[in-house]
Amino acid sequence: MASLSATHPAIRIFGTVRPDAPLVTLSQRTMISVTMNDAASVALQMDSKNAAALKVLGVSAFKLGSRDDAIASLKEAVALSPESE
């Protein structure tokens, strides 16, 4: 299996990774979700009130099957920044 490069259309800079992009295999989607989760975790270590990182953490947790964690992260993101997307 070929790995995804930074120029692959499924990958964009933090917060806009698109694991549902066409032609991305299930294992690549999982890899992207794990990478999103790791990046969000590092961002939250630097700033625990980073709403964008909490959103990414929630989306990646959902895609990895951790729905309770996803809901908690997304609720916290909305509480911190209710006007954001």
C-alpha atoms as a PDB file:
ATOM      1  CA  MET A   1       0.000   0.000   0.000  1.00  0.00           C
ATOM      2  CA  ALA A   2       1.344   3.420  -0.902  1.00  0.00           C
ATOM      3  CA  SER A   3       1.531   5.910   1.908  1.00  0.00           C
ATOM      4  CA  LEU A   4      -0.125   9.295   1.682  1.00  0.00           C
ATOM      5  CA  SER A   5       2.110  12.266   1.000  1.00  0.00           C
ATOM      6  CA  ALA A   6       1.564  15.861   2.064  1.00  0.00           C
ATOM      7  CA  THR A   7       0.467  16.640  -1.494  1.00  0.00           C
ATOM      8  CA  HIS A   8      -2.252  13.965  -1.569  1.00  0.00           C
ATOM      9  CA  PRO A   9      -5.695  15.561  -2.003  1.00  0.00           C
ATOM     10  CA  ALA A  10      -6.931  13.778   1.119  1.00  0.00           C
ATOM     11  CA  ILE A  11      -4.471  15.622   3.298  1.00  0.00           C
ATOM     12  CA  ARG A  12      -4.474  19.296   4.152  1.00  0.00           C
ATOM     13  CA  ILE A  13      -2.990  21.235   7.016  1.00  0.00           C
ATOM     14  CA  PHE A  14      -4.251  20.571  10.577  1.00  0.00           C
ATOM     15  CA  GLY A  15      -8.004  20.718  10.967  1.00  0.00           C
ATOM     16  CA  THR A  16      -8.935  20.109   7.338  1.00  0.00           C
ATOM     17  CA  VAL A  17      -7.851  16.537   6.752  1.00  0.00           C
ATOM     18  CA  ARG A  18     -10.404  14.807   4.556  1.00  0.00           C
ATOM     19  CA  PRO A  19     -10.309  11.058   5.292  1.00  0.00           C
ATOM     20  CA  ASP A  20     -13.531  10.662   3.314  1.00  0.00           C
ATOM     21  CA  ALA A  21     -11.917  11.913   0.082  1.00  0.00           C
ATOM     22  CA  PRO A  22     -12.414   9.702  -2.987  1.00  0.00           C
ATOM     23  CA  LEU A  23      -9.980   6.843  -3.580  1.00  0.00           C
ATOM     24  CA  VAL A  24      -8.753   6.692   0.009  1.00  0.00           C
ATOM     25  CA  THR A  25      -8.695   3.144   1.342  1.00  0.00           C
ATOM     26  CA  LEU A  26     -10.037   2.159   4.747  1.00  0.00           C
ATOM     27  CA  SER A  27      -6.539   1.634   6.128  1.00  0.00           C
ATOM     28  CA  GLN A  28      -5.497   5.062   4.813  1.00  0.00           C
ATOM     29  CA  ARG A  29      -8.581   6.619   6.457  1.00  0.00           C
ATOM     30  CA  THR A  30      -7.619   5.006   9.746  1.00  0.00           C
ATOM     31  CA  MET A  31      -4.038   6.245   9.369  1.00  0.00           C
ATOM     32  CA  ILE A  32      -5.290   9.778   8.681  1.00  0.00           C
ATOM     33  CA  SER A  33      -7.633   9.654  11.682  1.00  0.00           C
ATOM     34  CA  VAL A  34      -4.827   8.482  13.966  1.00  0.00           C
ATOM     35  CA  THR A  35      -2.589  11.269  12.638  1.00  0.00           C
ATOM     36  CA  MET A  36      -5.372  13.814  13.220  1.00  0.00           C
ATOM     37  CA  ASN A  37      -5.835  12.496  16.742  1.00  0.00           C
ATOM     38  CA  ASP A  38      -2.103  12.720  17.490  1.00  0.00           C
ATOM     39  CA  ALA A  39      -1.821  16.265  16.086  1.00  0.00           C
ATOM     40  CA  ALA A  40      -4.826  17.442  18.091  1.00  0.00           C
ATOM     41  CA  SER A  41      -3.446  15.864  21.260  1.00  0.00           C
ATOM     42  CA  VAL A  42      -0.133  17.704  20.842  1.00  0.00           C
ATOM     43  CA  ALA A  43      -1.944  20.997  20.182  1.00  0.00           C
ATOM     44  CA  LEU A  44      -4.042  20.481  23.318  1.00  0.00           C
ATOM     45  CA  GLN A  45      -0.921  19.839  25.396  1.00  0.00           C
ATOM     46  CA  MET A  46       0.236  23.315  24.375  1.00  0.00           C
ATOM     47  CA  ASP A  47      -3.182  24.967  24.803  1.00  0.00           C
ATOM     48  CA  SER A  48      -5.947  23.013  26.518  1.00  0.00           C
ATOM     49  CA  LYS A  49      -8.507  25.624  25.419  1.00  0.00           C
ATOM     50  CA  ASN A  50      -7.824  25.214  21.677  1.00  0.00           C
ATOM     51  CA  ALA A  51     -11.329  24.778  20.242  1.00  0.00           C
ATOM     52  CA  ALA A  52     -10.054  23.841  16.768  1.00  0.00           C
ATOM     53  CA  ALA A  53      -7.900  21.067  18.212  1.00  0.00           C
ATOM     54  CA  LEU A  54     -10.823  19.811  20.291  1.00  0.00           C
ATOM     55  CA  LYS A  55     -12.950  19.687  17.133  1.00  0.00           C
ATOM     56  CA  VAL A  56     -10.273  17.705  15.298  1.00  0.00           C
ATOM     57  CA  LEU A  57      -9.889  15.403  18.302  1.00  0.00           C
ATOM     58  CA  GLY A  58     -13.648  14.831  18.330  1.00  0.00           C
ATOM     59  CA  VAL A  59     -13.882  14.110  14.615  1.00  0.00           C
ATOM     60  CA  SER A  60     -10.910  11.745  14.690  1.00  0.00           C
ATOM     61  CA  ALA A  61     -12.239   9.960  17.794  1.00  0.00           C
ATOM     62  CA  PHE A  62     -15.568   9.472  16.025  1.00  0.00           C
ATOM     63  CA  LYS A  63     -13.870   8.062  12.928  1.00  0.00           C
ATOM     64  CA  LEU A  64     -11.851   5.701  15.123  1.00  0.00           C
ATOM     65  CA  GLY A  65     -15.028   4.467  16.840  1.00  0.00           C
ATOM     66  CA  SER A  66     -14.666   6.278  20.174  1.00  0.00           C
ATOM     67  CA  ARG A  67     -18.054   7.945  20.128  1.00  0.00           C
ATOM     68  CA  ASP A  68     -18.170   8.925  23.816  1.00  0.00           C
ATOM     69  CA  ASP A  69     -14.769  10.619  23.530  1.00  0.00           C
ATOM     70  CA  ALA A  70     -15.882  12.275  20.306  1.00  0.00           C
ATOM     71  CA  ILE A  71     -19.014  13.710  21.890  1.00  0.00           C
ATOM     72  CA  ALA A  72     -17.105  14.992  24.917  1.00  0.00           C
ATOM     73  CA  SER A  73     -14.461  16.702  22.759  1.00  0.00           C
ATOM     74  CA  LEU A  74     -17.010  18.252  20.419  1.00  0.00           C
ATOM     75  CA  LYS A  75     -19.150  19.530  23.302  1.00  0.00           C
ATOM     76  CA  GLU A  76     -16.081  21.145  24.857  1.00  0.00           C
ATOM     77  CA  ALA A  77     -15.096  22.701  21.515  1.00  0.00           C
ATOM     78  CA  VAL A  78     -18.561  24.219  21.116  1.00  0.00           C
ATOM     79  CA  ALA A  79     -18.518  25.505  24.711  1.00  0.00           C
ATOM     80  CA  LEU A  80     -15.172  27.226  24.092  1.00  0.00           C
ATOM     81  CA  SER A  81     -16.074  28.658  20.697  1.00  0.00           C
ATOM     82  CA  PRO A  82     -19.826  28.527  19.992  1.00  0.00           C
ATOM     83  CA  GLU A  83     -19.543  30.753  16.912  1.00  0.00           C
ATOM     84  CA  SER A  84     -17.095  28.467  15.079  1.00  0.00           C
ATOM     85  CA  GLU A  85     -18.053  25.831  12.530  1.00  0.00           C
END
